[in-house]
Structures are given as structure tokens and as C-alpha cells.
């Protein structure tokens, strides 16, 4: 019922991938050219998308009850 070695390995690999690919993705979003976009779309794309990504990563690493 505890955490097995496979769980630890999967968590370590996924954390490494998030740590490497996360800043690349956020940098790509921040450097996107949005000159012809509406202001509301720019706000959603550059502000809310990274916040939702951070919340998703945090939820993915929280322990689940009943597992």
C-alpha cells in the first residue's frame, strides 16, 4: 500500500521532464509575436496559460487520497 520503487522512478523522471521542458515552454509562450491579436486573447495566452500550467503541475504532484 506504500510507495514502490517504480512510483519513485516515475516521479523523478516526470519531475526532471517538467523542470527541463517547463521553462522552455513558458519562454516560447512569452516570446510569441501577438501584434495582430485582440487584447483579451493576449491576456489569456500570456497570463492565464502559464498560471494554469503551474496549477496543473502542482496538482499532478500532490498525493491523492485513497490511492
PDB file of N, CA and C in Angstrom:
ATOM      1  N   UNK A   1       0.803  -1.198   0.000  1.00  0.00           N
ATOM      2  CA  UNK A   1       0.000   0.000   0.000  1.00  0.00           C
ATOM      3  C   UNK A   1       0.846   1.263   0.000  1.00  0.00           C
ATOM      4  N   UNK A   2       2.138   1.137   0.215  1.00  0.00           N
ATOM      5  CA  UNK A   2       3.013   2.304   0.243  1.00  0.00           C
ATOM      6  C   UNK A   2       3.513   2.658  -1.145  1.00  0.00           C
ATOM      7  N   UNK A   3       4.458   3.526  -1.166  1.00  0.00           N
ATOM      8  CA  UNK A   3       5.054   3.961  -2.424  1.00  0.00           C
ATOM      9  C   UNK A   3       6.132   2.961  -2.814  1.00  0.00           C
ATOM     10  N   UNK A   4       6.049   2.449  -4.030  1.00  0.00           N
ATOM     11  CA  UNK A   4       7.025   1.491  -4.520  1.00  0.00           C
ATOM     12  C   UNK A   4       8.158   2.184  -5.253  1.00  0.00           C
ATOM     13  N   UNK A   5       9.166   1.426  -5.611  1.00  0.00           N
ATOM     14  CA  UNK A   5      10.321   1.981  -6.317  1.00  0.00           C
ATOM     15  C   UNK A   5       9.925   2.483  -7.696  1.00  0.00           C
ATOM     16  N   UNK A   6       8.959   1.818  -8.334  1.00  0.00           N
ATOM     17  CA  UNK A   6       8.524   2.281  -9.658  1.00  0.00           C
ATOM     18  C   UNK A   6       7.842   3.644  -9.566  1.00  0.00           C
ATOM     19  N   UNK A   7       7.099   3.880  -8.485  1.00  0.00           N
ATOM     20  CA  UNK A   7       6.473   5.191  -8.285  1.00  0.00           C
ATOM     21  C   UNK A   7       7.518   6.280  -8.125  1.00  0.00           C
ATOM     22  N   UNK A   8       8.581   5.983  -7.398  1.00  0.00           N
ATOM     23  CA  UNK A   8       9.656   6.956  -7.183  1.00  0.00           C
ATOM     24  C   UNK A   8      10.372   7.256  -8.500  1.00  0.00           C
ATOM     25  N   UNK A   9      10.639   6.229  -9.285  1.00  0.00           N
ATOM     26  CA  UNK A   9      11.322   6.432 -10.572  1.00  0.00           C
ATOM     27  C   UNK A   9      10.452   7.243 -11.518  1.00  0.00           C
ATOM     28  N   UNK A  10       9.175   6.920 -11.598  1.00  0.00           N
ATOM     29  CA  UNK A  10       8.269   7.669 -12.473  1.00  0.00           C
ATOM     30  C   UNK A  10       8.175   9.124 -12.027  1.00  0.00           C
ATOM     31  N   UNK A  11       8.100   9.360 -10.733  1.00  0.00           N
ATOM     32  CA  UNK A  11       8.019  10.733 -10.237  1.00  0.00           C
ATOM     33  C   UNK A  11       9.311  11.499 -10.516  1.00  0.00           C
ATOM     34  N   UNK A  12      10.456  10.849 -10.361  1.00  0.00           N
ATOM     35  CA  UNK A  12      11.732  11.519 -10.614  1.00  0.00           C
ATOM     36  C   UNK A  12      11.887  11.873 -12.091  1.00  0.00           C
ATOM     37  N   UNK A  13      11.532  10.956 -12.965  1.00  0.00           N
ATOM     38  CA  UNK A  13      11.648  11.217 -14.401  1.00  0.00           C
ATOM     39  C   UNK A  13      10.665  12.303 -14.823  1.00  0.00           C
ATOM     40  N   UNK A  14       9.444  12.236 -14.339  1.00  0.00           N
ATOM     41  CA  UNK A  14       8.471  13.258 -14.725  1.00  0.00           C
ATOM     42  C   UNK A  14       8.850  14.623 -14.165  1.00  0.00           C
ATOM     43  N   UNK A  15       9.378  14.674 -12.952  1.00  0.00           N
ATOM     44  CA  UNK A  15       9.821  15.955 -12.401  1.00  0.00           C
ATOM     45  C   UNK A  15      10.982  16.522 -13.204  1.00  0.00           C
ATOM     46  N   UNK A  16      11.900  15.667 -13.641  1.00  0.00           N
ATOM     47  CA  UNK A  16      13.013  16.115 -14.473  1.00  0.00           C
ATOM     48  C   UNK A  16      12.503  16.678 -15.801  1.00  0.00           C
ATOM     49  N   UNK A  17      11.544  16.003 -16.412  1.00  0.00           N
ATOM     50  CA  UNK A  17      10.982  16.498 -17.668  1.00  0.00           C
ATOM     51  C   UNK A  17      10.277  17.835 -17.485  1.00  0.00           C
ATOM     52  N   UNK A  18       9.533  17.968 -16.406  1.00  0.00           N
ATOM     53  CA  UNK A  18       8.859  19.239 -16.131  1.00  0.00           C
ATOM     54  C   UNK A  18       9.880  20.342 -15.882  1.00  0.00           C
ATOM     55  N   UNK A  19      10.953  20.022 -15.155  1.00  0.00           N
ATOM     56  CA  UNK A  19      11.975  21.020 -14.840  1.00  0.00           C
ATOM     57  C   UNK A  19      12.744  21.469 -16.075  1.00  0.00           C
ATOM     58  N   UNK A  20      12.903  20.584 -17.058  1.00  0.00           N
ATOM     59  CA  UNK A  20      13.645  20.941 -18.265  1.00  0.00           C
ATOM     60  C   UNK A  20      12.729  21.572 -19.310  1.00  0.00           C
ATOM     61  N   UNK A  21      11.583  20.952 -19.561  1.00  0.00           N
ATOM     62  CA  UNK A  21      10.712  21.412 -20.638  1.00  0.00           C
ATOM     63  C   UNK A  21       9.806  22.571 -20.230  1.00  0.00           C
ATOM     64  N   UNK A  22       9.529  22.708 -18.943  1.00  0.00           N
ATOM     65  CA  UNK A  22       8.651  23.780 -18.475  1.00  0.00           C
ATOM     66  C   UNK A  22       9.154  25.174 -18.799  1.00  0.00           C
ATOM     67  N   UNK A  23      10.386  25.519 -18.428  1.00  0.00           N
ATOM     68  CA  UNK A  23      10.884  26.859 -18.764  1.00  0.00           C
ATOM     69  C   UNK A  23      10.981  27.110 -20.274  1.00  0.00           C
ATOM     70  N   UNK A  24      11.262  26.065 -21.035  1.00  0.00           N
ATOM     71  CA  UNK A  24      11.302  26.227 -22.493  1.00  0.00           C
ATOM     72  C   UNK A  24       9.916  26.587 -23.017  1.00  0.00           C
ATOM     73  N   UNK A  25       8.895  25.896 -22.528  1.00  0.00           N
ATOM     74  CA  UNK A  25       7.527  26.175 -22.968  1.00  0.00           C
ATOM     75  C   UNK A  25       7.068  27.561 -22.541  1.00  0.00           C
ATOM     76  N   UNK A  26       7.359  27.932 -21.303  1.00  0.00           N
ATOM     77  CA  UNK A  26       6.959  29.259 -20.817  1.00  0.00           C
ATOM     78  C   UNK A  26       7.694  30.353 -21.595  1.00  0.00           C
ATOM     79  N   UNK A  27       8.977  30.149 -21.893  1.00  0.00           N
ATOM     80  CA  UNK A  27       9.733  31.121 -22.694  1.00  0.00           C
ATOM     81  C   UNK A  27       9.193  31.257 -24.099  1.00  0.00           C
ATOM     82  N   UNK A  28       8.785  30.153 -24.688  1.00  0.00           N
ATOM     83  CA  UNK A  28       8.200  30.199 -26.022  1.00  0.00           C
ATOM     84  C   UNK A  28       6.886  30.966 -26.017  1.00  0.00           C
ATOM     85  N   UNK A  29       6.079  30.743 -24.999  1.00  0.00           N
ATOM     86  CA  UNK A  29       4.823  31.487 -24.889  1.00  0.00           C
ATOM     87  C   UNK A  29       5.092  32.970 -24.686  1.00  0.00           C
ATOM     88  N   UNK A  30       6.066  33.314 -23.868  1.00  0.00           N
ATOM     89  CA  UNK A  30       6.364  34.726 -23.589  1.00  0.00           C
ATOM     90  C   UNK A  30       6.927  35.442 -24.800  1.00  0.00           C
ATOM     91  N   UNK A  31       7.626  34.728 -25.678  1.00  0.00           N
ATOM     92  CA  UNK A  31       8.251  35.373 -26.836  1.00  0.00           C
ATOM     93  C   UNK A  31       7.407  35.311 -28.100  1.00  0.00           C
ATOM     94  N   UNK A  32       6.163  34.903 -27.987  1.00  0.00           N
ATOM     95  CA  UNK A  32       5.289  34.809 -29.145  1.00  0.00           C
ATOM     96  C   UNK A  32       4.904  36.205 -29.627  1.00  0.00           C
ATOM     97  N   UNK A  33       4.911  36.390 -30.936  1.00  0.00           N
ATOM     98  CA  UNK A  33       4.504  37.666 -31.527  1.00  0.00           C
ATOM     99  C   UNK A  33       2.985  37.745 -31.550  1.00  0.00           C
ATOM    100  N   UNK A  34       2.445  38.733 -30.873  1.00  0.00           N
ATOM    101  CA  UNK A  34       0.993  38.870 -30.752  1.00  0.00           C
ATOM    102  C   UNK A  34       0.519  40.231 -31.251  1.00  0.00           C
ATOM    103  N   UNK A  35       1.144  40.760 -32.277  1.00  0.00           N
ATOM    104  CA  UNK A  35       0.815  42.113 -32.719  1.00  0.00           C
ATOM    105  C   UNK A  35      -0.586  42.232 -33.305  1.00  0.00           C
ATOM    106  N   UNK A  36      -1.074  41.217 -33.979  1.00  0.00           N
ATOM    107  CA  UNK A  36      -2.388  41.329 -34.619  1.00  0.00           C
ATOM    108  C   UNK A  36      -3.502  40.666 -33.796  1.00  0.00           C
ATOM    109  N   UNK A  37      -3.230  40.328 -32.551  1.00  0.00           N
ATOM    110  CA  UNK A  37      -4.224  39.661 -31.710  1.00  0.00           C
ATOM    111  C   UNK A  37      -5.031  40.677 -30.915  1.00  0.00           C
ATOM    112  N   UNK A  38      -6.218  40.288 -30.477  1.00  0.00           N
ATOM    113  CA  UNK A  38      -7.022  41.123 -29.587  1.00  0.00           C
ATOM    114  C   UNK A  38      -6.388  41.145 -28.200  1.00  0.00           C
ATOM    115  N   UNK A  39      -6.690  42.188 -27.445  1.00  0.00           N
ATOM    116  CA  UNK A  39      -6.100  42.328 -26.111  1.00  0.00           C
ATOM    117  C   UNK A  39      -6.537  41.205 -25.170  1.00  0.00           C
ATOM    118  N   UNK A  40      -7.780  40.778 -25.284  1.00  0.00           N
ATOM    119  CA  UNK A  40      -8.253  39.711 -24.397  1.00  0.00           C
ATOM    120  C   UNK A  40      -7.563  38.382 -24.706  1.00  0.00           C
ATOM    121  N   UNK A  41      -7.300  38.107 -25.967  1.00  0.00           N
ATOM    122  CA  UNK A  41      -6.611  36.876 -26.344  1.00  0.00           C
ATOM    123  C   UNK A  41      -5.169  36.911 -25.856  1.00  0.00           C
ATOM    124  N   UNK A  42      -4.527  38.055 -25.939  1.00  0.00           N
ATOM    125  CA  UNK A  42      -3.156  38.201 -25.444  1.00  0.00           C
ATOM    126  C   UNK A  42      -3.113  37.950 -23.939  1.00  0.00           C
ATOM    127  N   UNK A  43      -4.094  38.483 -23.214  1.00  0.00           N
ATOM    128  CA  UNK A  43      -4.149  38.272 -21.770  1.00  0.00           C
ATOM    129  C   UNK A  43      -4.302  36.794 -21.431  1.00  0.00           C
ATOM    130  N   UNK A  44      -5.206  36.130 -22.111  1.00  0.00           N
ATOM    131  CA  UNK A  44      -5.411  34.703 -21.849  1.00  0.00           C
ATOM    132  C   UNK A  44      -4.152  33.920 -22.184  1.00  0.00           C
ATOM    133  N   UNK A  45      -3.543  34.219 -23.309  1.00  0.00           N
ATOM    134  CA  UNK A  45      -2.401  33.448 -23.781  1.00  0.00           C
ATOM    135  C   UNK A  45      -1.154  33.674 -22.949  1.00  0.00           C
ATOM    136  N   UNK A  46      -0.872  34.924 -22.583  1.00  0.00           N
ATOM    137  CA  UNK A  46       0.383  35.225 -21.894  1.00  0.00           C
ATOM    138  C   UNK A  46       0.280  35.237 -20.378  1.00  0.00           C
ATOM    139  N   UNK A  47      -0.917  35.377 -19.830  1.00  0.00           N
ATOM    140  CA  UNK A  47      -1.050  35.438 -18.377  1.00  0.00           C
ATOM    141  C   UNK A  47      -1.703  34.172 -17.828  1.00  0.00           C
ATOM    142  N   UNK A  48      -2.848  33.823 -18.352  1.00  0.00           N
ATOM    143  CA  UNK A  48      -3.587  32.705 -17.777  1.00  0.00           C
ATOM    144  C   UNK A  48      -3.012  31.344 -18.141  1.00  0.00           C
ATOM    145  N   UNK A  49      -2.481  31.183 -19.332  1.00  0.00           N
ATOM    146  CA  UNK A  49      -1.942  29.887 -19.732  1.00  0.00           C
ATOM    147  C   UNK A  49      -0.775  29.437 -18.849  1.00  0.00           C
ATOM    148  N   UNK A  50       0.215  30.292 -18.549  1.00  0.00           N
ATOM    149  CA  UNK A  50       1.263  29.857 -17.610  1.00  0.00           C
ATOM    150  C   UNK A  50       0.748  29.582 -16.195  1.00  0.00           C
ATOM    151  N   UNK A  51      -0.242  30.353 -15.751  1.00  0.00           N
ATOM    152  CA  UNK A  51      -0.803  30.108 -14.422  1.00  0.00           C
ATOM    153  C   UNK A  51      -1.506  28.757 -14.386  1.00  0.00           C
ATOM    154  N   UNK A  52      -2.273  28.446 -15.419  1.00  0.00           N
ATOM    155  CA  UNK A  52      -2.949  27.151 -15.492  1.00  0.00           C
ATOM    156  C   UNK A  52      -1.928  26.025 -15.568  1.00  0.00           C
ATOM    157  N   UNK A  53      -0.819  26.248 -16.271  1.00  0.00           N
ATOM    158  CA  UNK A  53       0.235  25.226 -16.352  1.00  0.00           C
ATOM    159  C   UNK A  53       0.833  24.952 -14.969  1.00  0.00           C
ATOM    160  N   UNK A  54       1.114  25.990 -14.216  1.00  0.00           N
ATOM    161  CA  UNK A  54       1.683  25.821 -12.874  1.00  0.00           C
ATOM    162  C   UNK A  54       0.696  25.089 -11.964  1.00  0.00           C
ATOM    163  N   UNK A  55      -0.572  25.443 -12.035  1.00  0.00           N
ATOM    164  CA  UNK A  55      -1.582  24.764 -11.227  1.00  0.00           C
ATOM    165  C   UNK A  55      -1.672  23.292 -11.620  1.00  0.00           C
ATOM    166  N   UNK A  56      -1.611  22.999 -12.911  1.00  0.00           N
ATOM    167  CA  UNK A  56      -1.651  21.614 -13.370  1.00  0.00           C
ATOM    168  C   UNK A  56      -0.472  20.800 -12.884  1.00  0.00           C
ATOM    169  N   UNK A  57       0.707  21.386 -12.893  1.00  0.00           N
ATOM    170  CA  UNK A  57       1.899  20.685 -12.401  1.00  0.00           C
ATOM    171  C   UNK A  57       1.777  20.448 -10.900  1.00  0.00           C
ATOM    172  N   UNK A  58       1.289  21.433 -10.172  1.00  0.00           N
ATOM    173  CA  UNK A  58       1.133  21.270  -8.726  1.00  0.00           C
ATOM    174  C   UNK A  58       0.115  20.173  -8.411  1.00  0.00           C
ATOM    175  N   UNK A  59      -0.978  20.133  -9.140  1.00  0.00           N
ATOM    176  CA  UNK A  59      -1.978  19.099  -8.907  1.00  0.00           C
ATOM    177  C   UNK A  59      -1.430  17.720  -9.258  1.00  0.00           C
ATOM    178  N   UNK A  60      -0.598  17.645 -10.281  1.00  0.00           N
ATOM    179  CA  UNK A  60      -0.049  16.357 -10.687  1.00  0.00           C
ATOM    180  C   UNK A  60       0.863  15.761  -9.616  1.00  0.00           C
ATOM    181  N   UNK A  61       1.515  16.592  -8.812  1.00  0.00           N
ATOM    182  CA  UNK A  61       2.450  16.087  -7.804  1.00  0.00           C
ATOM    183  C   UNK A  61       1.861  16.013  -6.406  1.00  0.00           C
ATOM    184  N   UNK A  62       0.621  16.416  -6.218  1.00  0.00           N
ATOM    185  CA  UNK A  62       0.002  16.291  -4.906  1.00  0.00           C
ATOM    186  C   UNK A  62      -0.398  14.837  -4.658  1.00  0.00           C
ATOM    187  N   UNK A  63      -0.195  14.356  -3.445  1.00  0.00           N
ATOM    188  CA  UNK A  63      -0.608  12.980  -3.171  1.00  0.00           C
ATOM    189  C   UNK A  63      -2.130  12.859  -3.201  1.00  0.00           C
ATOM    190  N   UNK A  64      -2.589  11.721  -3.683  1.00  0.00           N
ATOM    191  CA  UNK A  64      -4.031  11.507  -3.794  1.00  0.00           C
ATOM    192  C   UNK A  64      -4.516  10.627  -2.630  1.00  0.00           C
ATOM    193  N   UNK A  65      -5.678  10.987  -2.116  1.00  0.00           N
ATOM    194  CA  UNK A  65      -6.270  10.168  -1.057  1.00  0.00           C
ATOM    195  C   UNK A  65      -6.849   8.907  -1.670  1.00  0.00           C
ATOM    196  N   UNK A  66      -6.729   7.824  -0.975  1.00  0.00           N
ATOM    197  CA  UNK A  66      -7.336   6.593  -1.401  1.00  0.00           C
ATOM    198  C   UNK A  66      -6.544   5.830  -2.445  1.00  0.00           C
ATOM    199  N   UNK A  67      -5.341   6.262  -2.772  1.00  0.00           N
ATOM    200  CA  UNK A  67      -4.541   5.544  -3.761  1.00  0.00           C
ATOM    201  C   UNK A  67      -3.735   4.460  -3.119  1.00  0.00           C
TER     202      UNK A  67
END
